[in-house]
């Protein structure tokens, strides 16, 4: 499996998702190297959050694994 990143843009950040994904990849590559640079960046309108406001990473993972499983089933 390759590195994948899910992000939520701040309000007023713009709507050019492709440019934003490239900016994120360049930022990560410059700071931690190309090996850990995400190969795919997904921009979600809202990330799942708890009542306290923390991002629920397990919900993000389960959504991504469901997508992978569905894509593998269609092939």
PDB file of N, CA and C in Angstrom:
ATOM      1  N   UNK A   1       0.842  -1.179   0.000  1.00  0.00           N
ATOM      2  CA  UNK A   1       0.000   0.000   0.000  1.00  0.00           C
ATOM      3  C   UNK A   1       0.888   1.243   0.000  1.00  0.00           C
ATOM      4  N   UNK A   2       0.458   2.247  -0.670  1.00  0.00           N
ATOM      5  CA  UNK A   2       1.228   3.464  -0.772  1.00  0.00           C
ATOM      6  C   UNK A   2       0.675   4.534   0.166  1.00  0.00           C
ATOM      7  N   UNK A   3       1.476   5.583   0.336  1.00  0.00           N
ATOM      8  CA  UNK A   3       1.074   6.672   1.219  1.00  0.00           C
ATOM      9  C   UNK A   3      -0.081   7.447   0.602  1.00  0.00           C
ATOM     10  N   UNK A   4      -1.100   7.676   1.399  1.00  0.00           N
ATOM     11  CA  UNK A   4      -2.258   8.446   0.970  1.00  0.00           C
ATOM     12  C   UNK A   4      -2.584   9.440   2.075  1.00  0.00           C
ATOM     13  N   UNK A   5      -2.945  10.639   1.695  1.00  0.00           N
ATOM     14  CA  UNK A   5      -3.260  11.676   2.657  1.00  0.00           C
ATOM     15  C   UNK A   5      -4.669  12.180   2.426  1.00  0.00           C
ATOM     16  N   UNK A   6      -5.394  12.401   3.514  1.00  0.00           N
ATOM     17  CA  UNK A   6      -6.727  12.988   3.453  1.00  0.00           C
ATOM     18  C   UNK A   6      -6.670  14.312   4.194  1.00  0.00           C
ATOM     19  N   UNK A   7      -7.121  15.373   3.537  1.00  0.00           N
ATOM     20  CA  UNK A   7      -7.071  16.701   4.143  1.00  0.00           C
ATOM     21  C   UNK A   7      -8.416  17.400   3.994  1.00  0.00           C
ATOM     22  N   UNK A   8      -8.620  18.389   4.839  1.00  0.00           N
ATOM     23  CA  UNK A   8      -9.775  19.275   4.753  1.00  0.00           C
ATOM     24  C   UNK A   8      -9.219  20.685   4.621  1.00  0.00           C
ATOM     25  N   UNK A   9      -9.622  21.382   3.575  1.00  0.00           N
ATOM     26  CA  UNK A   9      -9.118  22.725   3.352  1.00  0.00           C
ATOM     27  C   UNK A   9      -9.783  23.714   4.304  1.00  0.00           C
ATOM     28  N   UNK A  10      -9.029  24.710   4.686  1.00  0.00           N
ATOM     29  CA  UNK A  10      -9.591  25.774   5.510  1.00  0.00           C
ATOM     30  C   UNK A  10     -10.518  26.626   4.655  1.00  0.00           C
ATOM     31  N   UNK A  11     -11.440  27.293   5.321  1.00  0.00           N
ATOM     32  CA  UNK A  11     -12.368  28.168   4.614  1.00  0.00           C
ATOM     33  C   UNK A  11     -11.593  29.269   3.897  1.00  0.00           C
ATOM     34  N   UNK A  12     -11.978  29.557   2.671  1.00  0.00           N
ATOM     35  CA  UNK A  12     -11.331  30.598   1.902  1.00  0.00           C
ATOM     36  C   UNK A  12     -10.033  30.179   1.245  1.00  0.00           C
ATOM     37  N   UNK A  13      -9.706  28.903   1.288  1.00  0.00           N
ATOM     38  CA  UNK A  13      -8.440  28.421   0.726  1.00  0.00           C
ATOM     39  C   UNK A  13      -8.489  28.335  -0.797  1.00  0.00           C
ATOM     40  N   UNK A  14      -9.667  28.286  -1.342  1.00  0.00           N
ATOM     41  CA  UNK A  14      -9.789  28.193  -2.792  1.00  0.00           C
ATOM     42  C   UNK A  14     -10.376  26.861  -3.201  1.00  0.00           C
ATOM     43  N   UNK A  15     -10.653  26.754  -4.474  1.00  0.00           N
ATOM     44  CA  UNK A  15     -11.302  25.548  -4.972  1.00  0.00           C
ATOM     45  C   UNK A  15     -10.441  24.744  -5.926  1.00  0.00           C
ATOM     46  N   UNK A  16      -9.190  25.136  -6.126  1.00  0.00           N
ATOM     47  CA  UNK A  16      -8.310  24.418  -7.035  1.00  0.00           C
ATOM     48  C   UNK A  16      -7.679  23.232  -6.300  1.00  0.00           C
ATOM     49  N   UNK A  17      -8.405  22.132  -6.271  1.00  0.00           N
ATOM     50  CA  UNK A  17      -7.996  20.962  -5.491  1.00  0.00           C
ATOM     51  C   UNK A  17      -6.726  20.337  -6.057  1.00  0.00           C
ATOM     52  N   UNK A  18      -6.597  20.280  -7.371  1.00  0.00           N
ATOM     53  CA  UNK A  18      -5.418  19.672  -7.979  1.00  0.00           C
ATOM     54  C   UNK A  18      -4.146  20.449  -7.617  1.00  0.00           C
ATOM     55  N   UNK A  19      -4.226  21.769  -7.664  1.00  0.00           N
ATOM     56  CA  UNK A  19      -3.069  22.598  -7.296  1.00  0.00           C
ATOM     57  C   UNK A  19      -2.736  22.427  -5.823  1.00  0.00           C
ATOM     58  N   UNK A  20      -3.761  22.364  -4.977  1.00  0.00           N
ATOM     59  CA  UNK A  20      -3.552  22.180  -3.547  1.00  0.00           C
ATOM     60  C   UNK A  20      -2.872  20.850  -3.264  1.00  0.00           C
ATOM     61  N   UNK A  21      -3.289  19.798  -3.946  1.00  0.00           N
ATOM     62  CA  UNK A  21      -2.675  18.478  -3.761  1.00  0.00           C
ATOM     63  C   UNK A  21      -1.200  18.520  -4.134  1.00  0.00           C
ATOM     64  N   UNK A  22      -0.874  19.182  -5.209  1.00  0.00           N
ATOM     65  CA  UNK A  22       0.522  19.291  -5.630  1.00  0.00           C
ATOM     66  C   UNK A  22       1.330  20.105  -4.620  1.00  0.00           C
ATOM     67  N   UNK A  23       0.733  21.158  -4.057  1.00  0.00           N
ATOM     68  CA  UNK A  23       1.420  21.961  -3.042  1.00  0.00           C
ATOM     69  C   UNK A  23       1.720  21.135  -1.796  1.00  0.00           C
ATOM     70  N   UNK A  24       0.771  20.309  -1.383  1.00  0.00           N
ATOM     71  CA  UNK A  24       0.962  19.458  -0.210  1.00  0.00           C
ATOM     72  C   UNK A  24       2.086  18.463  -0.466  1.00  0.00           C
ATOM     73  N   UNK A  25       2.079  17.846  -1.633  1.00  0.00           N
ATOM     74  CA  UNK A  25       3.129  16.888  -1.965  1.00  0.00           C
ATOM     75  C   UNK A  25       4.504  17.553  -1.991  1.00  0.00           C
ATOM     76  N   UNK A  26       4.598  18.745  -2.548  1.00  0.00           N
ATOM     77  CA  UNK A  26       5.879  19.460  -2.597  1.00  0.00           C
ATOM     78  C   UNK A  26       6.339  19.845  -1.196  1.00  0.00           C
ATOM     79  N   UNK A  27       5.409  20.269  -0.343  1.00  0.00           N
ATOM     80  CA  UNK A  27       5.729  20.650   1.035  1.00  0.00           C
ATOM     81  C   UNK A  27       6.311  19.463   1.797  1.00  0.00           C
ATOM     82  N   UNK A  28       5.654  18.317   1.698  1.00  0.00           N
ATOM     83  CA  UNK A  28       6.109  17.120   2.416  1.00  0.00           C
ATOM     84  C   UNK A  28       7.448  16.639   1.856  1.00  0.00           C
ATOM     85  N   UNK A  29       7.581  16.631   0.550  1.00  0.00           N
ATOM     86  CA  UNK A  29       8.817  16.168  -0.071  1.00  0.00           C
ATOM     87  C   UNK A  29      10.008  17.016   0.358  1.00  0.00           C
ATOM     88  N   UNK A  30       9.808  18.324   0.487  1.00  0.00           N
ATOM     89  CA  UNK A  30      10.891  19.222   0.878  1.00  0.00           C
ATOM     90  C   UNK A  30      11.305  19.014   2.330  1.00  0.00           C
ATOM     91  N   UNK A  31      10.372  18.570   3.179  1.00  0.00           N
ATOM     92  CA  UNK A  31      10.668  18.468   4.602  1.00  0.00           C
ATOM     93  C   UNK A  31      11.048  17.080   5.083  1.00  0.00           C
ATOM     94  N   UNK A  32      10.408  16.042   4.544  1.00  0.00           N
ATOM     95  CA  UNK A  32      10.737  14.700   5.040  1.00  0.00           C
ATOM     96  C   UNK A  32      11.188  13.735   3.952  1.00  0.00           C
ATOM     97  N   UNK A  33      11.248  14.192   2.715  1.00  0.00           N
ATOM     98  CA  UNK A  33      11.792  13.361   1.652  1.00  0.00           C
ATOM     99  C   UNK A  33      10.748  12.709   0.775  1.00  0.00           C
ATOM    100  N   UNK A  34      11.206  12.239  -0.369  1.00  0.00           N
ATOM    101  CA  UNK A  34      10.292  11.688  -1.363  1.00  0.00           C
ATOM    102  C   UNK A  34       9.750  10.316  -0.982  1.00  0.00           C
ATOM    103  N   UNK A  35      10.448   9.601  -0.115  1.00  0.00           N
ATOM    104  CA  UNK A  35      10.000   8.263   0.263  1.00  0.00           C
ATOM    105  C   UNK A  35       8.663   8.311   1.006  1.00  0.00           C
ATOM    106  N   UNK A  36       8.505   9.293   1.882  1.00  0.00           N
ATOM    107  CA  UNK A  36       7.281   9.395   2.663  1.00  0.00           C
ATOM    108  C   UNK A  36       6.281  10.399   2.107  1.00  0.00           C
ATOM    109  N   UNK A  37       6.542  10.909   0.933  1.00  0.00           N
ATOM    110  CA  UNK A  37       5.611  11.842   0.304  1.00  0.00           C
ATOM    111  C   UNK A  37       4.366  11.077  -0.128  1.00  0.00           C
ATOM    112  N   UNK A  38       3.179  11.597   0.176  1.00  0.00           N
ATOM    113  CA  UNK A  38       1.963  10.897  -0.230  1.00  0.00           C
ATOM    114  C   UNK A  38       1.847  10.843  -1.748  1.00  0.00           C
ATOM    115  N   UNK A  39       1.511   9.681  -2.256  1.00  0.00           N
ATOM    116  CA  UNK A  39       1.350   9.516  -3.695  1.00  0.00           C
ATOM    117  C   UNK A  39      -0.014  10.012  -4.142  1.00  0.00           C
ATOM    118  N   UNK A  40      -0.948  10.069  -3.213  1.00  0.00           N
ATOM    119  CA  UNK A  40      -2.290  10.537  -3.528  1.00  0.00           C
ATOM    120  C   UNK A  40      -2.779  11.409  -2.388  1.00  0.00           C
ATOM    121  N   UNK A  41      -3.370  12.546  -2.732  1.00  0.00           N
ATOM    122  CA  UNK A  41      -3.934  13.455  -1.742  1.00  0.00           C
ATOM    123  C   UNK A  41      -5.424  13.581  -2.039  1.00  0.00           C
ATOM    124  N   UNK A  42      -6.242  13.280  -1.033  1.00  0.00           N
ATOM    125  CA  UNK A  42      -7.690  13.425  -1.177  1.00  0.00           C
ATOM    126  C   UNK A  42      -8.147  14.609  -0.347  1.00  0.00           C
ATOM    127  N   UNK A  43      -8.969  15.452  -0.944  1.00  0.00           N
ATOM    128  CA  UNK A  43      -9.524  16.596  -0.237  1.00  0.00           C
ATOM    129  C   UNK A  43     -10.985  16.278   0.064  1.00  0.00           C
ATOM    130  N   UNK A  44     -11.285  16.192   1.338  1.00  0.00           N
ATOM    131  CA  UNK A  44     -12.653  15.933   1.782  1.00  0.00           C
ATOM    132  C   UNK A  44     -13.259  17.236   2.278  1.00  0.00           C
ATOM    133  N   UNK A  45     -14.552  17.432   2.070  1.00  0.00           N
ATOM    134  CA  UNK A  45     -15.191  18.663   2.548  1.00  0.00           C
ATOM    135  C   UNK A  45     -15.195  18.755   4.080  1.00  0.00           C
ATOM    136  N   UNK A  46     -15.382  17.626   4.736  1.00  0.00           N
ATOM    137  CA  UNK A  46     -15.373  17.574   6.203  1.00  0.00           C
ATOM    138  C   UNK A  46     -14.725  16.274   6.643  1.00  0.00           C
ATOM    139  N   UNK A  47     -13.844  16.362   7.614  1.00  0.00           N
ATOM    140  CA  UNK A  47     -13.257  15.164   8.202  1.00  0.00           C
ATOM    141  C   UNK A  47     -14.141  14.719   9.363  1.00  0.00           C
ATOM    142  N   UNK A  48     -14.246  13.400   9.592  1.00  0.00           N
ATOM    143  CA  UNK A  48     -15.040  12.933  10.728  1.00  0.00           C
ATOM    144  C   UNK A  48     -14.394  13.354  12.037  1.00  0.00           C
ATOM    145  N   UNK A  49     -15.189  13.899  12.925  1.00  0.00           N
ATOM    146  CA  UNK A  49     -14.662  14.394  14.198  1.00  0.00           C
ATOM    147  C   UNK A  49     -15.504  13.875  15.363  1.00  0.00           C
ATOM    148  N   UNK A  50     -14.834  13.791  16.530  1.00  0.00           N
ATOM    149  CA  UNK A  50     -15.524  13.378  17.752  1.00  0.00           C
ATOM    150  C   UNK A  50     -16.284  14.574  18.318  1.00  0.00           C
ATOM    151  N   UNK A  51     -16.993  14.340  19.398  1.00  0.00           N
ATOM    152  CA  UNK A  51     -17.731  15.424  20.056  1.00  0.00           C
ATOM    153  C   UNK A  51     -16.797  16.505  20.574  1.00  0.00           C
ATOM    154  N   UNK A  52     -15.547  16.119  20.884  1.00  0.00           N
ATOM    155  CA  UNK A  52     -14.559  17.055  21.401  1.00  0.00           C
ATOM    156  C   UNK A  52     -13.901  17.842  20.265  1.00  0.00           C
ATOM    157  N   UNK A  53     -13.988  17.325  19.040  1.00  0.00           N
ATOM    158  CA  UNK A  53     -13.417  18.004  17.894  1.00  0.00           C
ATOM    159  C   UNK A  53     -12.173  17.350  17.318  1.00  0.00           C
ATOM    160  N   UNK A  54     -11.790  16.205  17.888  1.00  0.00           N
ATOM    161  CA  UNK A  54     -10.615  15.500  17.373  1.00  0.00           C
ATOM    162  C   UNK A  54     -10.979  14.730  16.109  1.00  0.00           C
ATOM    163  N   UNK A  55     -10.021  14.642  15.187  1.00  0.00           N
ATOM    164  CA  UNK A  55     -10.231  13.902  13.951  1.00  0.00           C
ATOM    165  C   UNK A  55     -10.256  12.412  14.263  1.00  0.00           C
ATOM    166  N   UNK A  56     -11.268  11.726  13.755  1.00  0.00           N
ATOM    167  CA  UNK A  56     -11.412  10.282  13.988  1.00  0.00           C
ATOM    168  C   UNK A  56     -10.687   9.522  12.876  1.00  0.00           C
ATOM    169  N   UNK A  57      -9.422   9.205  13.132  1.00  0.00           N
ATOM    170  CA  UNK A  57      -8.589   8.551  12.125  1.00  0.00           C
ATOM    171  C   UNK A  57      -9.107   7.161  11.773  1.00  0.00           C
ATOM    172  N   UNK A  58      -9.669   6.479  12.735  1.00  0.00           N
ATOM    173  CA  UNK A  58     -10.177   5.123  12.456  1.00  0.00           C
ATOM    174  C   UNK A  58     -11.331   5.177  11.448  1.00  0.00           C
ATOM    175  N   UNK A  59     -12.142   6.222  11.495  1.00  0.00           N
ATOM    176  CA  UNK A  59     -13.223   6.360  10.517  1.00  0.00           C
ATOM    177  C   UNK A  59     -12.676   6.666   9.129  1.00  0.00           C
ATOM    178  N   UNK A  60     -11.623   7.455   9.067  1.00  0.00           N
ATOM    179  CA  UNK A  60     -10.983   7.751   7.784  1.00  0.00           C
ATOM    180  C   UNK A  60     -10.401   6.476   7.200  1.00  0.00           C
ATOM    181  N   UNK A  61      -9.680   5.709   8.028  1.00  0.00           N
ATOM    182  CA  UNK A  61      -9.087   4.454   7.558  1.00  0.00           C
ATOM    183  C   UNK A  61     -10.156   3.485   7.054  1.00  0.00           C
ATOM    184  N   UNK A  62     -11.239   3.348   7.812  1.00  0.00           N
ATOM    185  CA  UNK A  62     -12.277   2.403   7.399  1.00  0.00           C
ATOM    186  C   UNK A  62     -12.913   2.828   6.075  1.00  0.00           C
ATOM    187  N   UNK A  63     -13.109   4.122   5.872  1.00  0.00           N
ATOM    188  CA  UNK A  63     -13.658   4.606   4.608  1.00  0.00           C
ATOM    189  C   UNK A  63     -12.710   4.316   3.454  1.00  0.00           C
ATOM    190  N   UNK A  64     -11.422   4.558   3.663  1.00  0.00           N
ATOM    191  CA  UNK A  64     -10.444   4.300   2.612  1.00  0.00           C
ATOM    192  C   UNK A  64     -10.333   2.809   2.299  1.00  0.00           C
ATOM    193  N   UNK A  65     -10.347   1.958   3.330  1.00  0.00           N
ATOM    194  CA  UNK A  65     -10.276   0.515   3.091  1.00  0.00           C
ATOM    195  C   UNK A  65     -11.517   0.010   2.374  1.00  0.00           C
ATOM    196  N   UNK A  66     -12.686   0.576   2.682  1.00  0.00           N
ATOM    197  CA  UNK A  66     -13.908   0.193   1.974  1.00  0.00           C
ATOM    198  C   UNK A  66     -13.795   0.541   0.491  1.00  0.00           C
ATOM    199  N   UNK A  67     -13.262   1.715   0.196  1.00  0.00           N
ATOM    200  CA  UNK A  67     -13.083   2.119  -1.201  1.00  0.00           C
ATOM    201  C   UNK A  67     -12.128   1.180  -1.919  1.00  0.00           C
ATOM    202  N   UNK A  68     -11.018   0.812  -1.255  1.00  0.00           N
ATOM    203  CA  UNK A  68     -10.059  -0.097  -1.868  1.00  0.00           C
ATOM    204  C   UNK A  68     -10.688  -1.469  -2.120  1.00  0.00           C
ATOM    205  N   UNK A  69     -11.451  -1.937  -1.135  1.00  0.00           N
ATOM    206  CA  UNK A  69     -12.098  -3.237  -1.267  1.00  0.00           C
ATOM    207  C   UNK A  69     -13.120  -3.206  -2.404  1.00  0.00           C
ATOM    208  N   UNK A  70     -13.894  -2.117  -2.507  1.00  0.00           N
ATOM    209  CA  UNK A  70     -14.880  -2.006  -3.585  1.00  0.00           C
ATOM    210  C   UNK A  70     -14.193  -1.929  -4.949  1.00  0.00           C
ATOM    211  N   UNK A  71     -13.079  -1.200  -5.014  1.00  0.00           N
ATOM    212  CA  UNK A  71     -12.350  -1.086  -6.280  1.00  0.00           C
ATOM    213  C   UNK A  71     -11.749  -2.435  -6.679  1.00  0.00           C
ATOM    214  N   UNK A  72     -11.262  -3.191  -5.695  1.00  0.00           N
ATOM    215  CA  UNK A  72     -10.690  -4.504  -5.993  1.00  0.00           C
ATOM    216  C   UNK A  72     -11.776  -5.475  -6.431  1.00  0.00           C
ATOM    217  N   UNK A  73     -12.970  -5.341  -5.876  1.00  0.00           N
ATOM    218  CA  UNK A  73     -14.072  -6.220  -6.242  1.00  0.00           C
ATOM    219  C   UNK A  73     -14.579  -5.953  -7.648  1.00  0.00           C
ATOM    220  N   UNK A  74     -14.473  -4.723  -8.103  1.00  0.00           N
ATOM    221  CA  UNK A  74     -14.942  -4.371  -9.452  1.00  0.00           C
ATOM    222  C   UNK A  74     -13.975  -4.803 -10.539  1.00  0.00           C
ATOM    223  N   UNK A  75     -12.708  -4.983 -10.178  1.00  0.00           N
ATOM    224  CA  UNK A  75     -11.689  -5.346 -11.176  1.00  0.00           C
ATOM    225  C   UNK A  75     -11.769  -6.784 -11.584  1.00  0.00           C
TER     226      UNK A  75
END
